[in-house]
Protein backbone atom coordinates (compact mmCIF):
# COMPACT_ATOMS: atom_id res chain seq x y z
CA MET A 1 0.00 0.00 0.00
CA LEU A 2 1.09 3.57 -0.71
CA THR A 3 1.87 5.47 2.48
CA ALA A 4 0.61 8.97 3.26
CA ILE A 5 1.33 11.32 0.38
CA PRO A 6 2.17 15.03 0.72
CA SER A 7 -0.11 17.28 -1.32
CA ASN A 8 2.76 18.50 -3.48
CA SER A 9 4.16 15.02 -4.27
CA SER A 10 4.14 13.13 -7.54
CA ALA A 11 4.53 9.51 -8.59
CA VAL A 12 7.06 7.81 -10.82
CA VAL A 13 5.64 4.44 -11.86
CA ILE A 14 8.04 2.10 -13.64
CA VAL A 15 6.57 -0.72 -15.72
CA SER A 16 8.80 -3.75 -16.25
CA ASN A 17 8.81 -7.53 -16.44
CA GLY A 18 11.77 -9.95 -16.47
CA PRO A 19 15.03 -10.44 -14.54
CA GLY A 20 17.27 -8.95 -17.25
CA GLU A 21 15.28 -5.72 -17.41
CA LEU A 22 15.18 -5.40 -13.62
CA ALA A 23 18.94 -5.81 -13.26
CA THR A 24 20.15 -3.74 -16.20
CA TRP A 25 17.43 -1.11 -16.76
CA VAL A 26 15.23 -0.66 -13.68
CA LYS A 27 17.81 -0.85 -10.88
CA PRO A 28 20.23 1.73 -12.40
CA VAL A 29 17.35 4.16 -13.08
CA VAL A 30 15.93 3.70 -9.57
CA ASP A 31 19.37 4.27 -8.02
CA TYR A 32 19.87 7.45 -10.03
CA LEU A 33 16.39 8.86 -9.32
CA ILE A 34 16.85 8.34 -5.58
CA LYS A 35 20.36 9.77 -5.59
CA THR A 36 19.37 12.86 -7.58
CA LYS A 37 15.84 13.56 -6.27
CA SER A 38 15.91 16.96 -8.06
CA ASN A 39 13.53 19.45 -6.40
CA VAL A 40 10.51 17.17 -6.88
CA THR A 41 8.93 15.10 -4.11
CA PHE A 42 7.79 11.79 -5.54
CA LYS A 43 6.79 8.26 -4.70
CA LEU A 44 8.70 5.59 -6.60
CA ILE A 45 6.60 2.61 -7.67
CA LEU A 46 7.33 -0.53 -9.70
CA ALA A 47 4.45 -2.23 -11.48
CA LEU A 48 5.41 -5.65 -12.81
CA VAL A 49 3.45 -6.83 -15.83
CA PRO A 50 2.41 -10.35 -16.91
CA CYS A 51 5.04 -11.82 -19.19
CA PRO A 52 5.92 -15.37 -20.31
CA ASN A 53 9.60 -14.44 -19.97
CA SER A 54 9.40 -13.61 -16.27
CA THR A 55 10.49 -16.05 -13.57
CA GLY A 56 7.89 -15.22 -10.91
CA LYS A 57 10.63 -14.04 -8.53
CA GLU A 58 10.90 -10.45 -9.78
CA PHE A 59 8.64 -9.14 -6.99
CA GLN A 60 10.90 -10.54 -4.24
CA VAL A 61 14.03 -9.20 -5.97
CA ALA A 62 12.64 -5.68 -6.31
CA LYS A 63 11.40 -5.70 -2.70
CA SER A 64 14.85 -6.77 -1.50
CA TRP A 65 16.34 -3.53 -2.85
CA GLN A 66 14.40 -1.61 -0.15
CA LEU A 67 14.36 1.43 -2.43
CA LEU A 68 10.77 1.52 -3.71
CA ASP A 69 7.68 2.90 -2.00
CA LEU A 70 5.54 0.21 -3.59
CA VAL A 71 6.11 -2.92 -5.67
CA ILE A 72 3.07 -4.41 -7.40
CA PRO A 73 3.45 -8.06 -8.45
CA ALA A 74 2.52 -9.11 -11.98
CA ARG A 75 -0.44 -11.15 -10.72
CA ASN A 76 -2.03 -7.92 -9.45
CA PHE A 77 -1.45 -5.84 -12.56
CA PHE A 78 -5.01 -6.16 -13.85
CA LYS A 79 -6.37 -5.30 -10.39
CA LEU A 80 -4.24 -2.16 -10.60
CA LEU A 81 -5.78 -1.29 -13.96
CA ILE A 82 -9.34 -1.92 -12.78
CA GLN A 83 -9.12 -0.33 -9.32
CA PRO A 84 -5.91 1.58 -8.52
CA SER A 85 -7.34 2.66 -5.16
CA LEU A 86 -6.83 -0.90 -3.89
CA PHE A 87 -3.15 0.00 -3.62
CA GLY A 88 -3.60 3.31 -1.80
CA LYS A 89 -4.18 6.97 -2.59
CA TRP A 90 -2.33 8.01 -5.73
CA PRO A 91 -0.82 11.48 -6.30
CA LYS A 92 -2.63 13.59 -8.89
CA ASN A 93 0.57 14.17 -10.83
CA GLY A 94 2.75 11.38 -12.15
CA VAL A 95 4.56 9.67 -14.98
CA VAL A 96 4.58 6.03 -16.07
CA VAL A 97 7.90 4.85 -17.52
CA PHE A 98 8.25 1.80 -19.75
CA LEU A 99 11.33 -0.28 -18.91
CA GLY A 100 10.32 -3.75 -20.07
CA GLY A 101 7.36 -5.88 -21.08
CA ASP A 102 4.77 -4.76 -23.61
CA GLN A 103 4.66 -1.03 -24.37
CA PHE A 104 0.87 -1.22 -24.51
CA TRP A 105 0.63 -1.87 -20.76
CA ASN A 106 2.58 1.31 -20.10
CA ILE A 107 0.19 3.40 -22.18
CA LEU A 108 -2.88 1.76 -20.66
CA LEU A 109 -1.69 2.25 -17.07
CA ALA A 110 -0.76 5.89 -17.70
CA LYS A 111 -4.24 6.58 -19.08
CA ARG A 112 -5.89 4.79 -16.17
CA LEU A 113 -3.93 6.78 -13.58
CA GLY A 114 -4.19 10.04 -15.50
CA TYR A 115 -0.41 10.25 -15.73
CA LYS A 116 2.00 11.11 -18.53
CA SER A 117 3.80 8.27 -20.31
CA ILE A 118 7.47 7.85 -21.27
CA THR A 119 8.67 4.88 -23.28
CA TYR A 120 12.28 3.77 -23.36
CA ALA A 121 12.54 2.35 -26.88
CA GLU A 122 15.43 0.02 -27.62
CA TRP A 123 14.38 -0.84 -31.18
CA ILE A 124 10.96 0.75 -31.91
CA SER A 125 8.34 2.96 -30.24
CA ARG A 126 4.96 1.33 -30.89
CA TRP A 127 2.57 3.92 -29.42
CA PRO A 128 4.23 7.31 -30.02
CA ARG A 129 0.95 9.27 -30.05
CA TRP A 130 0.29 8.52 -26.37
CA ASN A 131 3.74 9.34 -24.98
CA ILE A 132 4.86 12.74 -23.76
CA TYR A 133 8.45 11.66 -24.46
CA ILE A 134 10.11 8.77 -26.26
CA ALA A 135 13.54 7.99 -24.84
CA ALA A 136 15.31 6.30 -27.75
CA MET A 137 18.40 4.12 -27.64
CA ASN A 138 19.62 5.51 -30.95
CA ASN A 139 18.71 7.48 -34.07
CA LYS A 140 17.32 4.36 -35.75
CA VAL A 141 14.38 4.44 -33.34
CA LYS A 142 13.73 8.08 -34.20
CA ASP A 143 14.00 7.43 -37.94
CA LYS A 144 11.18 4.87 -37.73
CA LEU A 145 8.77 7.37 -36.18
CA PRO A 146 6.22 9.30 -38.26
CA SER A 147 7.43 12.88 -38.79
CA LYS A 148 4.80 14.42 -36.52
CA PHE A 149 6.07 12.42 -33.52
CA LYS A 150 9.81 12.95 -33.98
CA LYS A 151 9.81 16.06 -31.78
CA LYS A 152 8.81 13.85 -28.83
CA CYS A 153 11.84 11.65 -29.33
CA HIS A 154 15.04 12.20 -27.37
CA ILE A 155 18.14 10.10 -28.00
CA VAL A 156 19.32 9.02 -24.55
CA GLY A 157 21.57 6.09 -25.53
CA ASP A 158 21.82 2.54 -24.28
CA LEU A 159 20.93 1.97 -20.62
CA MET A 160 23.11 -1.12 -20.67
CA ALA A 161 26.19 1.01 -21.36
CA ASP A 162 25.85 2.59 -17.91
CA ILE A 163 26.51 -0.73 -16.17
CA THR A 164 30.22 0.13 -16.12
CA ASN A 165 29.50 3.29 -14.10
CA ASN A 166 28.79 1.15 -11.04
CA ILE A 167 31.96 -0.92 -11.22
CA SER A 168 34.30 -0.08 -8.38
CA THR A 169 37.95 -0.98 -8.07
CA VAL A 170 38.35 -4.40 -6.45
CA ASN A 171 41.29 -6.65 -5.83
CA GLU A 172 41.76 -8.69 -8.96
CA ILE A 173 40.76 -12.34 -8.72
CA ILE A 174 42.71 -13.27 -11.79
CA ASP A 175 45.48 -15.64 -10.78
CA LYS A 176 44.42 -18.01 -13.56
CA LYS A 177 42.23 -17.78 -16.62
CA TRP A 178 38.56 -17.36 -15.72
CA ILE A 179 35.52 -18.48 -17.72
CA ALA A 180 32.04 -17.36 -16.67
CA LEU A 181 29.09 -19.67 -17.28
CA LEU A 182 25.68 -18.04 -17.77
CA PRO A 183 23.07 -20.81 -18.16
CA GLY A 184 20.13 -18.38 -18.00
CA SER A 185 17.67 -17.17 -15.40
CA LYS A 186 14.34 -18.49 -16.71
CA ARG A 187 13.07 -22.03 -16.33
CA ALA A 188 13.15 -22.78 -20.07
CA LYS A 189 16.81 -21.83 -20.34
CA LEU A 190 17.92 -23.34 -17.03
CA SER A 191 16.36 -26.70 -17.88
CA ILE A 192 18.80 -26.96 -20.80
CA GLY A 193 21.56 -24.66 -19.54
CA VAL A 194 22.31 -26.28 -16.17
CA PRO A 195 22.99 -29.86 -17.38
CA PHE A 196 24.64 -28.63 -20.60
CA PHE A 197 26.98 -26.15 -18.89
CA LEU A 198 27.88 -28.58 -16.10
CA GLU A 199 29.17 -30.98 -18.71
CA VAL A 200 31.07 -28.18 -20.45
CA ALA A 201 32.63 -27.30 -17.09
CA ASP A 202 33.81 -30.86 -16.50
CA LEU A 203 35.29 -31.08 -20.00
CA VAL A 204 37.12 -27.74 -19.62
CA LYS A 205 38.61 -28.70 -16.24
CA GLU A 206 39.56 -32.14 -17.54
CA SER A 207 41.60 -30.51 -20.31
CA ASN A 208 43.06 -27.60 -18.34
CA LYS A 209 43.21 -27.55 -14.55
CA ASN A 210 44.52 -23.96 -14.59
CA ILE A 211 41.21 -22.49 -15.74
CA ASN A 212 38.77 -21.31 -13.07
CA LEU A 213 35.02 -21.30 -13.56
CA MET A 214 32.31 -19.11 -12.10
CA ILE A 215 28.56 -18.65 -12.39
CA PRO A 216 27.27 -15.09 -11.84
CA ILE A 217 23.94 -16.12 -10.38
CA ALA A 218 20.91 -14.17 -11.57
CA PRO A 219 18.94 -12.37 -8.84
CA THR A 220 15.84 -14.44 -9.64
CA THR A 221 17.72 -17.76 -9.48
CA GLU A 222 18.18 -19.72 -6.25
CA ILE A 223 20.89 -22.22 -5.39
CA LYS A 224 18.35 -25.04 -5.16
CA ASP A 225 17.44 -24.40 -8.82
CA PHE A 226 20.82 -25.81 -9.86
CA ILE A 227 20.15 -28.99 -7.90
CA ASP A 228 16.66 -29.37 -9.40
CA PHE A 229 17.70 -28.84 -13.00
CA GLN A 230 20.49 -31.46 -12.89
CA SER A 231 18.22 -34.04 -11.23
CA ASN A 232 15.61 -36.47 -12.52
CA LYS A 233 13.02 -33.71 -12.07
CA ASN A 234 14.36 -32.27 -15.33
CA PRO A 235 13.81 -34.63 -18.31
CA ILE A 236 16.69 -32.99 -20.21
CA ALA A 237 19.26 -33.88 -17.51
CA LYS A 238 19.30 -37.54 -18.56
CA TYR A 239 21.11 -36.57 -21.79
CA TYR A 240 24.16 -35.33 -19.85
CA SER A 241 26.51 -37.24 -17.57
CA SER A 242 27.76 -34.42 -15.30
CA LYS A 243 26.06 -34.10 -11.92
CA ILE A 244 26.49 -31.99 -8.80
CA LYS A 245 28.27 -33.59 -5.84
CA PHE A 246 27.54 -30.68 -3.50
CA ILE A 247 27.07 -26.93 -3.23
CA LYS A 248 28.34 -25.36 -0.03
CA LYS A 249 28.59 -21.85 1.35
CA ILE A 250 32.11 -20.45 1.61
CA ASP A 251 33.76 -17.54 3.36
CA HIS A 252 35.09 -15.46 0.45
CA ASP A 253 35.21 -11.79 -0.47
CA HIS A 254 33.40 -12.26 -3.77
CA PHE A 255 31.82 -15.70 -3.91
CA ASP A 256 28.92 -17.04 -1.86
CA TYR A 257 29.16 -20.71 -2.72
CA VAL A 258 31.31 -23.32 -4.41
CA LEU A 259 29.70 -25.98 -6.56
CA LYS A 260 31.56 -29.26 -7.00
CA THR A 261 30.61 -31.76 -9.67
CA GLN A 262 30.88 -35.50 -9.25
CA LYS A 263 34.00 -35.30 -11.42
CA ASN A 264 35.47 -32.85 -8.86
CA SER A 265 35.26 -29.73 -11.02
CA LYS A 266 34.85 -26.59 -8.90
CA ILE A 267 32.55 -23.76 -10.01
CA PHE A 268 32.37 -20.62 -7.88
CA ILE A 269 28.97 -18.93 -7.45
CA LEU A 270 29.33 -15.17 -7.75
CA LYS A 271 27.76 -12.82 -5.22
CA GLN A 272 25.25 -10.24 -6.46
CA ASP A 273 26.92 -7.29 -4.73
CA SER A 274 30.15 -7.80 -6.68
CA HIS A 275 28.55 -9.27 -9.79
CA HIS A 276 29.74 -6.75 -12.39
CA ASN A 277 33.04 -6.02 -10.68
CA ILE A 278 34.21 -9.61 -10.95
CA LEU A 279 32.42 -10.62 -14.13
CA SER A 280 34.15 -7.79 -15.98
CA GLN A 281 37.52 -9.41 -15.19
CA CYS A 282 36.71 -12.74 -16.85
CA ASP A 283 38.62 -13.75 -19.94
CA LEU A 284 35.56 -15.36 -21.56
CA ALA A 285 31.88 -16.05 -20.97
CA LEU A 286 29.76 -18.93 -22.23
CA THR A 287 26.18 -17.72 -22.31
CA THR A 288 22.68 -18.45 -23.45
CA VAL A 289 20.86 -15.96 -25.67
CA GLY A 290 19.05 -13.06 -24.02
CA ALA A 291 19.68 -9.84 -22.10
CA ASN A 292 22.87 -11.31 -20.62
CA THR A 293 24.57 -10.89 -24.02
CA ALA A 294 23.96 -7.13 -23.77
CA GLU A 295 25.18 -7.13 -20.17
CA LEU A 296 28.40 -8.90 -21.13
CA ALA A 297 28.88 -6.51 -24.05
CA ALA A 298 28.53 -3.54 -21.70
CA LEU A 299 31.19 -5.10 -19.46
CA ASN A 300 33.37 -5.76 -22.51
CA VAL A 301 33.62 -9.49 -21.82
CA PRO A 302 34.31 -11.74 -24.85
CA MET A 303 31.73 -14.50 -25.21
CA ILE A 304 30.39 -17.51 -27.06
CA VAL A 305 26.60 -17.55 -27.37
CA ILE A 306 25.05 -21.01 -27.16
CA LEU A 307 21.58 -22.29 -28.10
CA PRO A 308 21.26 -26.08 -28.31
CA THR A 309 18.16 -26.86 -30.38
CA GLN A 310 18.06 -30.62 -29.81
CA HIS A 311 15.75 -30.24 -26.80
CA LEU A 312 13.11 -27.95 -28.32
CA ASN A 313 10.62 -30.82 -28.41
CA MET A 314 10.56 -30.66 -24.60
CA MET A 315 8.68 -27.37 -24.53
CA ASN A 316 6.37 -28.79 -21.87
CA ALA A 317 9.21 -27.99 -19.45
CA TRP A 318 9.15 -24.34 -20.50
CA ASP A 319 7.42 -21.32 -18.97
CA GLY A 320 4.55 -19.27 -20.29
CA VAL A 321 2.26 -20.02 -23.22
CA PHE A 322 4.85 -22.34 -24.87
CA GLY A 323 4.87 -24.46 -21.75
CA ILE A 324 1.08 -24.60 -21.55
CA LEU A 325 0.58 -25.44 -25.22
CA GLY A 326 3.62 -27.72 -25.25
CA LYS A 327 1.83 -30.16 -22.96
CA ILE A 328 -0.44 -31.00 -25.92
CA THR A 329 1.53 -33.49 -28.03
CA PHE A 330 0.53 -32.42 -31.53
CA ILE A 331 0.89 -28.71 -30.71
CA ASN A 332 4.32 -29.46 -29.23
CA LYS A 333 5.38 -31.02 -32.53
CA ILE A 334 4.07 -28.05 -34.52
CA GLN A 335 5.87 -25.57 -32.24
CA THR A 336 9.11 -27.50 -32.49
CA PHE A 337 8.89 -27.64 -36.28
CA ILE A 338 8.19 -23.90 -36.59
CA VAL A 339 11.02 -22.91 -34.24
CA LYS A 340 13.58 -25.30 -35.75
CA TYR A 341 12.81 -24.99 -39.42
CA TRP A 342 11.46 -21.47 -39.78
CA TYR A 343 12.34 -19.15 -36.90
CA ILE A 344 15.93 -20.33 -36.39
CA GLN A 345 16.58 -20.64 -40.13
CA ASN A 346 15.26 -17.14 -40.86
CA LYS A 347 16.60 -15.22 -37.86
CA LYS A 348 20.00 -13.86 -38.80
CA PHE A 349 21.45 -13.12 -35.36
CA PHE A 350 20.43 -14.12 -31.82
CA SER A 351 22.75 -12.12 -29.55
CA TRP A 352 22.41 -8.41 -28.79
CA PRO A 353 25.95 -7.43 -29.97
CA ASN A 354 25.50 -9.11 -33.36
CA ILE A 355 22.00 -7.70 -33.80
CA LYS A 356 23.25 -4.21 -33.03
CA ALA A 357 26.38 -4.53 -35.20
CA LYS A 358 24.35 -6.18 -38.00
CA LYS A 359 27.22 -8.61 -38.45
CA LEU A 360 28.85 -11.49 -36.62
CA ILE A 361 31.27 -10.01 -34.08
CA ILE A 362 30.88 -12.76 -31.47
CA PRO A 363 30.43 -16.47 -32.20
CA GLU A 364 26.92 -17.90 -32.03
CA ARG A 365 26.56 -21.65 -31.80
CA ILE A 366 22.96 -22.42 -32.68
CA GLY A 367 21.73 -25.91 -33.52
CA TYR A 368 22.42 -29.51 -32.61
CA ILE A 369 25.53 -28.85 -30.55
CA GLN A 370 27.24 -30.84 -27.83
CA PRO A 371 29.23 -29.77 -24.73
CA LYS A 372 32.42 -31.28 -26.19
CA GLU A 373 32.32 -28.88 -29.15
CA ILE A 374 31.80 -25.86 -26.88
CA SER A 375 34.53 -26.88 -24.43
CA LYS A 376 37.05 -27.23 -27.27
CA GLU A 377 36.14 -23.84 -28.72
CA ALA A 378 36.21 -22.18 -25.29
CA LEU A 379 39.68 -23.57 -24.53
CA SER A 380 40.95 -22.42 -27.92
CA LEU A 381 39.48 -18.94 -27.61
CA VAL A 382 40.48 -18.28 -23.99
CA ASN A 383 44.12 -18.91 -24.93
CA ASN A 384 44.04 -16.77 -28.07
CA GLU A 385 44.86 -13.22 -26.95
CA ASP A 386 44.49 -11.78 -30.46
CA MET A 387 40.94 -13.10 -30.90
CA LEU A 388 39.92 -11.96 -27.41
CA ARG A 389 41.33 -8.49 -28.09
CA GLU A 390 39.45 -8.28 -31.39
CA GLN A 391 36.17 -9.21 -29.68
CA LYS A 392 36.72 -6.57 -27.01
CA LEU A 393 37.35 -3.87 -29.63
CA ASN A 394 34.23 -4.85 -31.56
CA LEU A 395 32.13 -4.89 -28.38
CA LEU A 396 33.35 -1.41 -27.47
CA LYS A 397 32.22 -0.14 -30.87
CA VAL A 398 28.63 -1.35 -30.43
CA ARG A 399 28.27 -0.56 -26.73
CA GLY A 400 27.65 3.16 -27.07
CA SER A 401 28.56 5.97 -24.71
CA ASN A 402 27.56 6.28 -21.07
CA GLY A 403 24.92 8.66 -19.75
CA ALA A 404 21.61 7.07 -20.80
CA VAL A 405 20.38 6.63 -17.21
CA LYS A 406 21.04 10.31 -16.45
CA LYS A 407 19.31 11.49 -19.65
CA LEU A 408 16.25 9.28 -19.08
CA SER A 409 16.01 10.46 -15.47
CA GLU A 410 16.12 14.07 -16.62
CA LEU A 411 13.18 13.39 -18.95
CA ILE A 412 11.27 11.86 -16.05
CA PHE A 413 11.84 14.93 -13.86
CA LYS A 414 10.94 17.18 -16.79
CA ALA A 415 7.65 15.32 -17.29
CA LEU A 416 6.80 15.61 -13.59
CA ILE A 417 7.12 19.41 -13.54
CA LYS A 418 5.56 19.96 -16.98
CA ASN A 419 1.96 21.21 -16.88
């Protein structure tokens, strides 16, 4: 519930959805708004929206920040639209800011509350007429707008690029080569990523004992998830031989836990409070597709992007509408066929850096791939300084300049004081 509101206060309502958006868009903006405050008194509210890509743990993560006046879980979003008063007395003046999900929900909520709307547009602004401002990642977003709406558009840059602003100087952990493993944060990705990446880890350590491995755990992922996804509870796990012997808490400056496989490979679990500091020092990352490819690019970490397609027929283990429909056998087969033989064949790039560069600047391994292939490529790449340096230079070119969080926040304050 919203607490008592001064008569001269306003509201900043952020609309978002999944773990990637919370970590790389919402949190930096929230931190900056609170730090700056301007001369405006405002309540800071996060409204999570229904989304098949969410994990269901976003509410707890946002609450744990202890920075927001109100966090509304996705399951209550339609209640918010129907009867906002259920959540307290709302200020008369406010702005709703889109930072993830479907842009339509942002517009609808702004209209319902009688607030102004700002959309952060990474690729396209879908409802320009109903926004007071469009905060665009680049000029390409502005170019796609009808001429009459271009004056609303402000180029703020890439919010992801500001990740590096929060990296502090830490004692280097690099006494060996380090490879980061990012198996995903959503159920669909973890069900494949955990058993697949565990086997990659064992193969890497078997070939080179001097390489260290870490997993920067997503805020919406719990330690027990790793146990579940390598067990018989996950039908995909039976295709991979590597298993977890134990995960135990350790006393370390940067790591919370150490995971040990049954083949005695150690994988360190990275703490959230030093996530970017340490991840930025890794020589290489092995990652699933998704927002993490943009996060790694912002940190200038070379990577290999991995999407094994041999398990797509197991969509009944996935989240959202695919998971629901995937439980019906014939629909599962249709979905698998469409994804394998149309979507994957026709989509040119899958990772954010390649999409933005419009060319292949980091390797993407999409298809019927095995851990042995990935481990060999990772070992080759991590020991090739020239190739790593080339990736870093290419990632710097597509990352963009810092300052997007500041510019977006300035638009928010401007909207609050604009009559």
